[in-house]
Amino acid sequence: MPLSEAERRALERLVSAPSTPQALALRARIVLASAEESISTVARSLGVSRNTALKWRTRFDTDGLPGLADLPRPGRPIAAGDDVHRAILRMPLQRPPDRGWTTRTIADALGTNQAAVSRVRHQWFADRPDLVSRAVLDSSNSMVLAAVLIDPRVRVLVFHPPATPAARPRSRQSSALPESVRVLLSARFAFPRDTPATGNDISPTLLTALGEVDSAVPPDRPITVLADRPSPPRVHRWLDRHPRFGVYEVGPDSWLAQLNSITAVLDPRQTPGLLELAHEVRRWAEQPTTPFFWVRASPTRASRRSATDDDQPRSPSPRLASAVVDALRESLATGAFRPGQRIAEQPLATRLGVSRGPIRDALKILAEDGLIELEPHRGAYVPLPTQRDVYDTYTARGPLGALLLRRVATNGSSRLTAAKDALDDLVRHAEMRDVAGTGDADIRWQDALAAAADMPRIEKMFVRLSLQLRMFVSILGLEYAYSVDEIVADDTAILQALEAQDPEEVTRLWRRKIDNAVTYMVGQLGHLDVDPTHRGSE
């Protein structure tokens, strides 16, 4: 039986999606192949029996995509109220081991069977085509998680579009994002089963949360709210007066099944913040005596000038110019612009609430930093980093860092407070097994050491190289962190040598650290087949 174009696209997505279980991907391949070949030919080419190939083709013809899922197993159904099942579903709220919470590590921690853990997690977290969140969250457009409410009576997740479109996803997607979402969804099991629900009316709780979200989210953003129970009449009346809010009931039985649909739309630039949020939820879940509420702080928005004001010549204040440069540096370092993308002045001025003058001055500074390029008749654009760029950055970074650290070791440890705080932040990311966050924290730790040397001109050159390094990691989709445990060990040893005022040991440790980073990062550059003279295209 031939497939429709929509059916073929859906099956091909199942086959190509990294998150698709192998068994489901094989069934999708069987159906795709059987549209072109006989069942016997399909069975031989895919290494399955003819009965297996016929079974899944027939199931698809009868039930469509849902027919490729496993049927419920016989026996007693899984109930969220069962103690063992509840313990399995609550496990993401515990601090994870080094390998994270897998079916094996959960089974080991609970002293139960791995297959039983797998069945429970599949039953509750498995994606379903009929989910409300799949319908209201468009996977072609990224979203930002704006708020989370975890109450004994209701669970709420709030989303809105980001200020700027997300960069293209990295080729190697980290598991940090789905694991953070799993923690948020599993938080419904944080409260003991006998926790009293103070009153049945959830209106005051919801209205307070929605009011804070309304204040925090910029007024031009539509807001999507997912809740696991219906909104009371008082909340409906409030929503009538706030039309940018769309509230959708997911239902408690489908709450955990949103894992994949939510992960698919989240802006990857929010991953470090979501890891920190998951860490906060885990700490709260140790003694959840009160509801948990978190709302994402909105970036400070510069006041907008009128068109008449912009027509008047003015020179930007140093504080404004510095703020514009800092905002653009962070956008470049976090991958908000694609390689080769032209940076138009007017959209930036509109987004930042300034005139084009500060934008133009900021772009000149960024060009001097090597973060962008300026060409006549073309303007500013983001260059495509090459292997040579990465080598050059490390070639300069190594000796500059050694010079700065020797100065710190010679001057004593009185200026190391900021570096110690930065190392504590790095260790926290490492404990959460946040590879990307640990790498970024490591670069910030190095910048803090550079500041401690009290050599402003050398520090400025070093920090410029840090920005370039962060941009390479983001744009090229590289992994900076050679090993979170090794980074912690290297940085701790360097800090100890600085406190001991041993410049020779500090230099040796720094060179070893740079060698580790170069070896790991440059080893990922084999996929770059780029002419070093090519610096981007329209």
Protein backbone atom coordinates (compact mmCIF):
# COMPACT_ATOMS: atom_id res chain seq x y z
CA MET A 1 0.00 0.00 0.00
CA PRO A 2 1.52 3.39 -0.96
CA LEU A 3 2.25 6.03 1.67
CA SER A 4 0.98 9.59 1.62
CA GLU A 5 3.58 12.37 1.63
CA ALA A 6 2.64 13.28 5.22
CA GLU A 7 2.98 9.65 6.36
CA ARG A 8 6.36 9.34 4.66
CA ARG A 9 7.68 12.53 6.31
CA ALA A 10 6.45 11.39 9.73
CA LEU A 11 8.13 7.99 9.36
CA GLU A 12 11.38 9.54 8.13
CA ARG A 13 11.42 11.84 11.18
CA LEU A 14 11.07 8.79 13.42
CA VAL A 15 13.98 7.09 11.67
CA SER A 16 16.30 10.11 11.80
CA ALA A 17 15.46 11.51 15.27
CA PRO A 18 18.25 10.69 17.79
CA SER A 19 15.66 10.26 20.57
CA THR A 20 13.68 7.54 18.73
CA PRO A 21 14.10 4.10 20.40
CA GLN A 22 15.85 1.60 18.12
CA ALA A 23 12.87 -0.73 18.05
CA LEU A 24 10.51 2.04 16.94
CA ALA A 25 12.99 3.26 14.29
CA LEU A 26 13.21 -0.29 12.88
CA ARG A 27 9.41 -0.51 12.64
CA ALA A 28 9.33 2.80 10.79
CA ARG A 29 11.99 1.51 8.36
CA ILE A 30 9.89 -1.60 7.75
CA VAL A 31 6.86 0.49 6.81
CA LEU A 32 8.89 2.82 4.59
CA ALA A 33 10.58 -0.05 2.78
CA SER A 34 7.34 -2.02 2.36
CA ALA A 35 5.86 0.85 0.35
CA GLU A 36 8.46 0.10 -2.35
CA GLU A 37 9.29 -3.61 -1.94
CA SER A 38 7.55 -6.85 -1.11
CA ILE A 39 7.29 -7.95 2.50
CA SER A 40 9.73 -10.82 1.87
CA THR A 41 12.31 -8.46 0.35
CA VAL A 42 11.92 -6.01 3.23
CA ALA A 43 12.37 -8.79 5.79
CA ARG A 44 15.59 -9.98 4.14
CA SER A 45 17.08 -6.50 3.73
CA LEU A 46 16.36 -5.45 7.34
CA GLY A 47 17.24 -8.80 8.94
CA VAL A 48 13.83 -9.57 10.45
CA SER A 49 11.36 -12.39 9.92
CA ARG A 50 8.62 -12.10 7.32
CA ASN A 51 6.01 -12.32 10.09
CA THR A 52 7.63 -9.38 11.93
CA ALA A 53 7.68 -7.23 8.80
CA LEU A 54 4.07 -8.14 8.00
CA LYS A 55 2.98 -7.44 11.60
CA TRP A 56 4.26 -3.86 11.67
CA ARG A 57 3.07 -3.04 8.14
CA THR A 58 -0.41 -4.31 9.07
CA ARG A 59 -0.40 -2.42 12.38
CA PHE A 60 0.52 0.79 10.54
CA ASP A 61 -2.18 0.28 7.89
CA THR A 62 -4.76 -0.19 10.65
CA ASP A 63 -3.75 2.42 13.26
CA GLY A 64 -1.20 4.71 11.60
CA LEU A 65 1.82 5.89 13.63
CA PRO A 66 0.28 4.95 17.02
CA GLY A 67 0.12 1.36 15.74
CA LEU A 68 3.93 1.16 15.81
CA ALA A 69 4.01 1.61 19.58
CA ASP A 70 4.11 -1.35 21.96
CA LEU A 71 0.74 -2.54 23.17
CA PRO A 72 0.17 -2.46 26.96
CA ARG A 73 1.70 -5.48 28.63
CA PRO A 74 -0.62 -7.94 30.34
CA GLY A 75 -0.80 -7.96 34.10
CA ARG A 76 -1.43 -5.30 36.70
CA PRO A 77 -1.19 -1.80 35.15
CA ILE A 78 1.39 0.68 36.40
CA ALA A 79 -0.09 3.06 38.94
CA ALA A 80 1.62 6.26 40.01
CA GLY A 81 0.42 5.62 43.54
CA ASP A 82 2.40 2.40 43.96
CA ASP A 83 5.37 2.92 46.25
CA VAL A 84 7.95 1.32 43.92
CA HIS A 85 6.66 3.12 40.84
CA ARG A 86 6.51 6.40 42.73
CA ALA A 87 10.12 5.92 43.87
CA ILE A 88 11.23 5.31 40.27
CA LEU A 89 9.45 8.39 38.97
CA ARG A 90 10.76 10.52 41.85
CA MET A 91 14.39 9.47 41.34
CA PRO A 92 15.31 12.40 39.01
CA LEU A 93 14.81 14.66 42.05
CA GLN A 94 17.80 13.03 43.76
CA ARG A 95 21.35 14.17 43.06
CA PRO A 96 22.50 12.07 40.07
CA PRO A 97 25.58 9.85 39.99
CA ASP A 98 28.40 10.57 37.53
CA ARG A 99 26.62 8.63 34.75
CA GLY A 100 23.33 10.37 35.42
CA TRP A 101 20.01 8.69 36.17
CA THR A 102 19.74 5.81 33.73
CA THR A 103 17.52 2.76 34.09
CA ARG A 104 20.55 0.87 35.39
CA THR A 105 21.63 3.45 37.99
CA ILE A 106 18.03 3.85 39.18
CA ALA A 107 17.66 0.06 39.51
CA ASP A 108 20.94 -0.12 41.46
CA ALA A 109 19.87 2.72 43.78
CA LEU A 110 16.47 1.20 44.50
CA GLY A 111 17.57 -2.42 44.54
CA THR A 112 15.04 -3.37 41.87
CA ASN A 113 15.00 -4.85 38.39
CA GLN A 114 16.30 -2.73 35.49
CA ALA A 115 13.57 -4.01 33.16
CA ALA A 116 10.91 -2.90 35.65
CA VAL A 117 12.47 0.57 35.83
CA SER A 118 12.52 0.75 32.03
CA ARG A 119 8.83 -0.22 31.81
CA VAL A 120 7.77 2.40 34.36
CA ARG A 121 9.76 5.20 32.71
CA HIS A 122 8.53 4.23 29.27
CA GLN A 123 4.93 4.13 30.46
CA TRP A 124 5.04 7.65 31.91
CA PHE A 125 7.67 9.52 29.89
CA ALA A 126 7.02 8.05 26.42
CA ASP A 127 6.01 10.58 23.79
CA ARG A 128 2.42 10.48 22.53
CA PRO A 129 1.03 12.05 19.34
CA ASP A 130 -2.13 13.29 21.10
CA LEU A 131 -0.37 15.47 23.69
CA VAL A 132 -1.71 18.99 24.17
CA SER A 133 1.85 20.33 24.40
CA ARG A 134 2.67 18.93 20.95
CA ALA A 135 -0.22 20.93 19.52
CA VAL A 136 0.44 24.27 21.26
CA LEU A 137 4.26 24.31 21.24
CA ASP A 138 5.52 24.66 17.68
CA SER A 139 8.72 22.61 17.35
CA SER A 140 9.85 24.79 14.40
CA ASN A 141 10.11 27.82 16.73
CA SER A 142 12.18 27.89 19.91
CA MET A 143 10.67 28.85 23.26
CA VAL A 144 12.01 30.04 26.60
CA LEU A 145 10.84 28.55 29.89
CA ALA A 146 9.60 31.59 31.81
CA ALA A 147 8.15 30.18 35.04
CA VAL A 148 7.55 26.99 37.03
CA LEU A 149 4.97 26.38 39.76
CA ILE A 150 4.98 23.15 41.78
CA ASP A 151 2.13 23.02 44.27
CA PRO A 152 0.42 20.00 45.91
CA ARG A 153 -2.72 20.94 43.96
CA VAL A 154 -1.41 22.10 40.59
CA ARG A 155 1.70 22.06 38.38
CA VAL A 156 2.35 24.85 35.85
CA LEU A 157 4.99 25.50 33.17
CA VAL A 158 5.10 28.85 31.33
CA PHE A 159 6.77 29.59 27.97
CA HIS A 160 7.31 32.53 25.63
CA PRO A 161 9.38 33.15 22.45
CA PRO A 162 13.00 34.35 22.92
CA ALA A 163 14.10 37.89 22.10
CA THR A 164 16.22 36.65 19.19
CA PRO A 165 15.92 33.40 17.23
CA ALA A 166 17.99 30.52 18.53
CA ALA A 167 21.14 29.56 16.65
CA ARG A 168 21.26 26.32 14.77
CA PRO A 169 21.37 23.31 17.12
CA ARG A 170 24.74 21.80 17.85
CA SER A 171 25.63 18.64 16.00
CA ARG A 172 26.23 16.86 19.32
CA GLN A 173 23.23 17.57 21.46
CA SER A 174 23.84 17.22 25.16
CA SER A 175 21.53 15.22 27.41
CA ALA A 176 21.54 18.11 29.90
CA LEU A 177 18.43 19.76 28.45
CA PRO A 178 16.07 16.73 28.54
CA GLU A 179 17.35 15.74 31.97
CA SER A 180 16.58 19.21 33.33
CA VAL A 181 13.04 18.98 31.92
CA ARG A 182 12.65 15.51 33.42
CA VAL A 183 13.48 16.95 36.84
CA LEU A 184 10.82 19.66 36.47
CA LEU A 185 8.16 17.19 35.38
CA SER A 186 9.03 14.66 38.08
CA ALA A 187 8.67 17.36 40.74
CA ARG A 188 4.96 16.47 40.94
CA PHE A 189 6.15 13.56 43.12
CA ALA A 190 8.17 15.77 45.47
CA PHE A 191 5.40 16.12 48.04
CA PRO A 192 4.65 13.13 50.27
CA ARG A 193 1.40 11.43 49.35
CA ASP A 194 -0.26 12.60 52.55
CA THR A 195 0.68 16.29 52.11
CA PRO A 196 -2.45 18.30 52.92
CA ALA A 197 -3.74 20.58 50.18
CA THR A 198 -4.62 23.80 51.99
CA GLY A 199 -7.99 24.56 50.48
CA ASN A 200 -9.43 23.36 47.20
CA ASP A 201 -9.45 26.72 45.44
CA ILE A 202 -6.21 27.16 43.51
CA SER A 203 -7.25 30.60 42.21
CA PRO A 204 -5.08 32.67 44.62
CA THR A 205 -1.99 30.56 43.86
CA LEU A 206 -2.48 30.71 40.10
CA LEU A 207 -3.38 34.39 40.01
CA THR A 208 -0.29 35.32 42.03
CA ALA A 209 1.95 33.27 39.73
CA LEU A 210 0.36 34.59 36.53
CA GLY A 211 0.64 38.16 37.80
CA GLU A 212 4.37 37.78 38.42
CA VAL A 213 4.84 36.24 34.98
CA ASP A 214 2.92 39.13 33.41
CA SER A 215 5.29 41.60 35.10
CA ALA A 216 8.47 39.68 34.21
CA VAL A 217 7.81 38.88 30.53
CA PRO A 218 8.18 41.77 28.04
CA PRO A 219 4.74 42.96 26.92
CA ASP A 220 5.27 42.10 23.24
CA ARG A 221 5.66 38.34 23.87
CA PRO A 222 2.76 35.87 23.74
CA ILE A 223 2.72 33.54 26.74
CA THR A 224 1.83 29.82 26.72
CA VAL A 225 0.86 28.17 30.01
CA LEU A 226 0.61 24.40 30.53
CA ALA A 227 -1.19 23.23 33.68
CA ASP A 228 -2.19 19.78 34.87
CA ARG A 229 -5.69 20.76 35.99
CA PRO A 230 -8.46 23.08 34.74
CA SER A 231 -8.39 26.78 35.56
CA PRO A 232 -11.08 28.01 37.99
CA PRO A 233 -13.60 30.70 36.91
CA ARG A 234 -11.67 33.51 38.70
CA VAL A 235 -8.59 32.63 36.67
CA HIS A 236 -10.64 32.55 33.46
CA ARG A 237 -11.88 36.08 34.17
CA TRP A 238 -8.29 37.25 34.69
CA LEU A 239 -7.25 35.62 31.41
CA ASP A 240 -10.04 37.44 29.57
CA ARG A 241 -8.37 40.71 30.58
CA HIS A 242 -4.91 39.43 29.55
CA PRO A 243 -5.32 38.07 26.01
CA ARG A 244 -1.62 37.37 25.44
CA PHE A 245 -1.90 34.41 27.83
CA GLY A 246 -2.95 31.05 26.44
CA VAL A 247 -3.62 28.44 29.17
CA TYR A 248 -3.92 24.77 28.23
CA GLU A 249 -4.77 21.79 30.43
CA VAL A 250 -2.47 18.82 29.94
CA GLY A 251 -3.86 16.48 32.56
CA PRO A 252 -1.95 14.67 35.31
CA ASP A 253 -1.76 11.36 33.42
CA SER A 254 -0.01 13.10 30.49
CA TRP A 255 2.19 15.44 32.51
CA LEU A 256 5.39 13.35 32.37
CA ALA A 257 4.79 12.41 28.73
CA GLN A 258 5.55 16.00 27.73
CA LEU A 259 9.29 15.37 28.12
CA ASN A 260 10.13 15.14 24.42
CA SER A 261 7.66 17.74 23.16
CA ILE A 262 8.95 20.37 25.62
CA THR A 263 12.63 19.53 25.10
CA ALA A 264 12.18 19.88 21.32
CA VAL A 265 11.12 23.53 21.56
CA LEU A 266 13.37 24.88 24.32
CA ASP A 267 15.98 27.43 23.30
CA PRO A 268 19.35 25.63 23.80
CA ARG A 269 20.88 28.90 25.01
CA GLN A 270 18.80 28.45 28.17
CA THR A 271 20.47 25.12 29.03
CA PRO A 272 22.85 26.51 31.72
CA GLY A 273 19.95 28.31 33.42
CA LEU A 274 17.77 25.20 33.30
CA LEU A 275 20.54 23.09 34.82
CA GLU A 276 20.76 25.59 37.68
CA LEU A 277 16.94 25.50 37.98
CA ALA A 278 16.97 21.69 38.14
CA HIS A 279 19.62 21.95 40.87
CA GLU A 280 17.33 24.33 42.82
CA VAL A 281 14.37 21.96 42.43
CA ARG A 282 16.44 19.06 43.75
CA ARG A 283 17.49 21.10 46.79
CA TRP A 284 13.88 22.14 47.39
CA ALA A 285 12.65 18.55 47.02
CA GLU A 286 14.77 17.46 49.98
CA GLN A 287 12.24 19.20 52.29
CA PRO A 288 9.29 20.45 50.20
CA THR A 289 7.41 22.12 53.03
CA THR A 290 6.15 24.93 50.77
CA PRO A 291 5.25 25.15 47.07
CA PHE A 292 8.08 25.85 44.63
CA PHE A 293 7.77 28.91 42.38
CA TRP A 294 10.40 30.20 39.98
CA VAL A 295 10.09 32.97 37.42
CA ARG A 296 12.80 33.87 34.94
CA ALA A 297 14.09 37.40 35.46
CA SER A 298 13.55 39.58 32.42
CA PRO A 299 16.66 41.33 31.08
CA THR A 300 16.68 45.06 31.78
CA ARG A 301 15.17 46.82 28.80
CA ALA A 302 16.61 50.18 27.86
CA SER A 303 14.02 52.92 27.54
CA ARG A 304 13.15 53.57 23.92
CA ARG A 305 13.62 57.01 22.43
CA SER A 306 11.14 58.61 20.07
CA ALA A 307 11.95 59.02 16.39
CA THR A 308 12.32 62.75 16.99
CA ASP A 309 14.94 62.12 19.66
CA ASP A 310 16.89 59.79 17.36
CA ASP A 311 17.04 62.49 14.70
CA GLN A 312 19.06 64.72 17.02
CA PRO A 313 22.85 64.30 16.94
CA ARG A 314 24.17 62.92 20.18
CA SER A 315 27.26 61.16 21.45
CA PRO A 316 26.49 58.07 23.52
CA SER A 317 27.56 58.08 27.12
CA PRO A 318 30.47 55.76 27.98
CA ARG A 319 28.13 53.66 30.13
CA LEU A 320 25.64 53.20 27.26
CA ALA A 321 28.37 52.40 24.74
CA SER A 322 29.88 49.84 27.12
CA ALA A 323 26.48 48.24 27.72
CA VAL A 324 25.87 47.89 23.96
CA VAL A 325 29.31 46.34 23.41
CA ASP A 326 28.79 43.91 26.30
CA ALA A 327 25.36 42.87 24.98
CA LEU A 328 26.70 42.21 21.49
CA ARG A 329 29.75 40.38 22.79
CA GLU A 330 27.53 38.04 24.80
CA SER A 331 25.25 37.45 21.80
CA LEU A 332 28.23 36.55 19.63
CA ALA A 333 29.83 34.35 22.29
CA THR A 334 26.61 32.37 22.83
CA GLY A 335 25.89 31.77 19.14
CA ALA A 336 22.99 34.17 18.59
CA PHE A 337 24.35 34.89 15.09
CA ARG A 338 25.18 32.33 12.41
CA PRO A 339 28.54 32.23 10.58
CA GLY A 340 28.38 34.52 7.57
CA GLN A 341 25.28 36.30 8.86
CA ARG A 342 25.18 40.04 8.24
CA ILE A 343 24.61 42.09 11.39
CA ALA A 344 22.10 44.77 10.49
CA GLU A 345 22.33 47.92 12.60
CA GLN A 346 18.68 48.99 12.71
CA PRO A 347 17.19 45.72 14.06
CA LEU A 348 19.88 45.70 16.77
CA ALA A 349 19.16 49.31 17.66
CA THR A 350 15.45 48.53 17.92
CA ARG A 351 16.01 45.46 20.08
CA LEU A 352 18.40 47.23 22.47
CA GLY A 353 16.39 50.46 22.58
CA VAL A 354 19.20 52.73 21.37
CA SER A 355 19.96 54.76 18.27
CA ARG A 356 22.18 53.44 15.48
CA GLY A 357 25.16 55.52 16.66
CA PRO A 358 26.07 53.31 19.66
CA ILE A 359 25.51 50.20 17.52
CA ARG A 360 27.90 51.47 14.85
CA ASP A 361 30.56 52.30 17.47
CA ALA A 362 30.11 48.92 19.15
CA LEU A 363 30.57 47.05 15.86
CA LYS A 364 33.89 48.84 15.31
CA ILE A 365 35.08 47.73 18.75
CA LEU A 366 33.98 44.15 18.10
CA ALA A 367 35.85 44.16 14.78
CA GLU A 368 39.01 45.23 16.66
CA ASP A 369 38.41 42.31 19.05
CA GLY A 370 38.33 39.92 16.08
CA LEU A 371 34.76 38.83 16.84
CA ILE A 372 33.23 40.25 13.64
CA GLU A 373 34.46 41.62 10.34
CA LEU A 374 33.65 44.94 8.67
CA GLU A 375 33.83 45.30 4.91
CA PRO A 376 33.00 48.24 2.64
CA HIS A 377 29.58 47.97 0.96
CA ARG A 378 28.83 44.88 3.02
CA GLY A 379 28.89 46.05 6.60
CA ALA A 380 29.41 43.83 9.64
CA TYR A 381 29.13 40.06 9.52
CA VAL A 382 30.11 37.04 11.59
CA PRO A 383 33.14 35.24 10.15
CA LEU A 384 33.29 31.48 9.92
CA PRO A 385 36.11 30.36 12.24
CA THR A 386 38.69 28.05 10.71
CA GLN A 387 41.20 25.60 12.12
CA ARG A 388 43.86 28.30 11.86
CA ASP A 389 41.74 30.67 13.98
CA VAL A 390 41.48 28.11 16.78
CA TYR A 391 45.21 27.37 16.66
CA ASP A 392 46.08 31.07 16.64
CA THR A 393 43.87 31.77 19.64
CA TYR A 394 45.54 29.09 21.74
CA THR A 395 48.99 30.04 20.47
CA ALA A 396 48.47 33.54 21.88
CA ARG A 397 46.48 32.47 24.93
CA GLY A 398 49.13 30.12 26.31
CA PRO A 399 52.01 32.57 26.88
CA LEU A 400 49.67 35.44 27.87
CA GLY A 401 48.09 33.26 30.55
CA ALA A 402 51.51 32.13 31.81
CA LEU A 403 52.66 35.76 32.10
CA LEU A 404 49.52 36.76 34.03
CA LEU A 405 49.66 33.78 36.40
CA ARG A 406 53.36 34.28 37.19
CA ARG A 407 52.49 37.86 38.12
CA VAL A 408 49.70 36.66 40.44
CA ALA A 409 52.00 34.10 42.06
CA THR A 410 54.67 36.77 42.59
CA ASN A 411 52.29 39.39 44.02
CA GLY A 412 50.68 37.05 46.54
CA SER A 413 47.17 35.67 46.96
CA SER A 414 45.37 38.73 48.33
CA ARG A 415 43.56 39.36 45.01
CA LEU A 416 42.28 35.81 44.50
CA THR A 417 38.83 36.19 46.10
CA ALA A 418 37.00 36.50 42.74
CA ALA A 419 38.95 33.57 41.31
CA LYS A 420 38.01 31.39 44.29
CA ASP A 421 34.33 32.30 43.84
CA ALA A 422 34.61 31.49 40.12
CA LEU A 423 36.14 28.11 40.97
CA ASP A 424 33.26 27.37 43.36
CA ASP A 425 30.85 28.10 40.50
CA LEU A 426 32.84 25.80 38.21
CA VAL A 427 32.73 22.99 40.76
CA ARG A 428 28.95 23.40 41.10
CA HIS A 429 28.50 22.95 37.34
CA ALA A 430 30.84 19.96 37.39
CA GLU A 431 28.88 18.31 40.21
CA MET A 432 25.73 18.65 38.06
CA ARG A 433 27.68 17.01 35.19
CA ASP A 434 26.99 20.09 33.09
CA VAL A 435 29.74 19.80 30.47
CA ALA A 436 28.94 22.99 28.54
CA GLY A 437 28.40 25.00 31.74
CA THR A 438 31.66 23.71 33.22
CA GLY A 439 33.58 24.74 30.10
CA ASP A 440 32.07 28.23 30.17
CA ALA A 441 32.76 28.53 33.92
CA ASP A 442 36.37 27.50 33.28
CA ILE A 443 36.87 30.34 30.82
CA ARG A 444 35.32 32.80 33.28
CA TRP A 445 37.62 31.43 36.03
CA GLN A 446 40.64 32.09 33.82
CA ASP A 447 39.42 35.65 33.21
CA ALA A 448 39.12 36.15 36.98
CA LEU A 449 42.76 35.06 37.39
CA ALA A 450 43.77 37.47 34.63
CA ALA A 451 42.06 40.31 36.52
CA ALA A 452 43.97 39.36 39.70
CA ALA A 453 47.32 40.00 37.96
CA ASP A 454 46.75 43.77 37.92
CA MET A 455 48.11 44.07 34.38
CA PRO A 456 45.22 45.85 32.59
CA ARG A 457 46.61 45.85 29.04
CA ILE A 458 47.62 42.17 29.11
CA GLU A 459 44.33 41.29 30.81
CA LYS A 460 42.39 43.02 28.02
CA MET A 461 44.19 40.98 25.36
CA PHE A 462 43.55 37.77 27.31
CA VAL A 463 39.83 38.49 27.73
CA ARG A 464 39.50 39.19 23.99
CA LEU A 465 40.88 35.72 23.35
CA SER A 466 38.37 34.32 25.87
CA LEU A 467 35.53 35.85 23.88
CA GLN A 468 36.91 34.37 20.66
CA LEU A 469 37.18 30.97 22.31
CA ARG A 470 33.58 31.08 23.53
CA MET A 471 32.45 32.06 20.03
CA PHE A 472 34.36 29.16 18.47
CA VAL A 473 32.72 26.72 20.89
CA SER A 474 29.26 28.08 20.11
CA ILE A 475 29.47 28.61 16.35
CA LEU A 476 31.39 25.44 15.50
CA GLY A 477 29.39 23.27 17.89
CA LEU A 478 32.57 22.18 19.68
CA GLU A 479 32.85 20.83 23.19
CA TYR A 480 35.38 22.92 25.11
CA ALA A 481 35.45 20.88 28.30
CA TYR A 482 38.03 18.09 27.89
CA SER A 483 36.74 16.44 31.09
CA VAL A 484 34.86 18.11 33.90
CA ASP A 485 36.79 16.14 36.52
CA GLU A 486 40.14 16.97 34.92
CA ILE A 487 39.20 20.65 34.68
CA VAL A 488 38.36 20.76 38.38
CA ALA A 489 41.62 18.97 39.22
CA ASP A 490 43.72 21.25 36.97
CA ASP A 491 42.15 24.47 38.22
CA THR A 492 42.33 23.44 41.87
CA ALA A 493 46.04 22.61 41.48
CA ILE A 494 46.72 25.97 39.79
CA LEU A 495 44.91 27.89 42.52
CA GLN A 496 46.84 26.03 45.22
CA ALA A 497 50.14 26.82 43.49
CA LEU A 498 49.14 30.50 43.28
CA GLU A 499 48.37 30.55 47.01
CA ALA A 500 51.75 28.91 47.65
CA GLN A 501 53.39 31.68 45.55
CA ASP A 502 55.21 29.16 43.36
CA PRO A 503 55.49 30.76 39.87
CA GLU A 504 57.43 27.81 38.37
CA GLU A 505 54.78 25.28 39.42
CA VAL A 506 51.99 27.61 38.28
CA THR A 507 53.61 27.94 34.84
CA ARG A 508 54.02 24.16 34.53
CA LEU A 509 50.40 23.50 35.53
CA TRP A 510 49.07 26.19 33.19
CA ARG A 511 50.99 24.76 30.22
CA ARG A 512 49.65 21.31 31.03
CA LYS A 513 46.11 22.69 31.18
CA ILE A 514 46.46 24.48 27.83
CA ASP A 515 47.88 21.29 26.28
CA ASN A 516 44.87 19.33 27.54
CA ALA A 517 42.41 21.89 26.16
CA VAL A 518 44.17 22.16 22.80
CA THR A 519 44.41 18.40 22.38
CA TYR A 520 40.72 17.90 23.12
CA MET A 521 39.31 20.89 21.26
CA VAL A 522 41.47 20.70 18.14
CA GLY A 523 40.76 16.99 17.94
CA GLN A 524 37.17 17.91 17.07
CA LEU A 525 38.16 20.08 14.10
CA GLY A 526 38.60 17.28 11.58
CA HIS A 527 35.13 17.92 10.17
CA LEU A 528 36.14 21.47 9.17
CA ASP A 529 37.22 21.48 5.55
CA VAL A 530 37.41 25.26 5.22
CA ASP A 531 39.79 27.43 3.24
CA PRO A 532 41.52 29.61 5.88
CA THR A 533 41.24 32.61 3.53
CA HIS A 534 37.43 32.33 3.43
CA ARG A 535 35.84 34.52 6.08
CA GLY A 536 32.12 33.97 5.56
CA SER A 537 29.50 34.64 2.92
CA GLU A 538 26.12 36.23 2.65
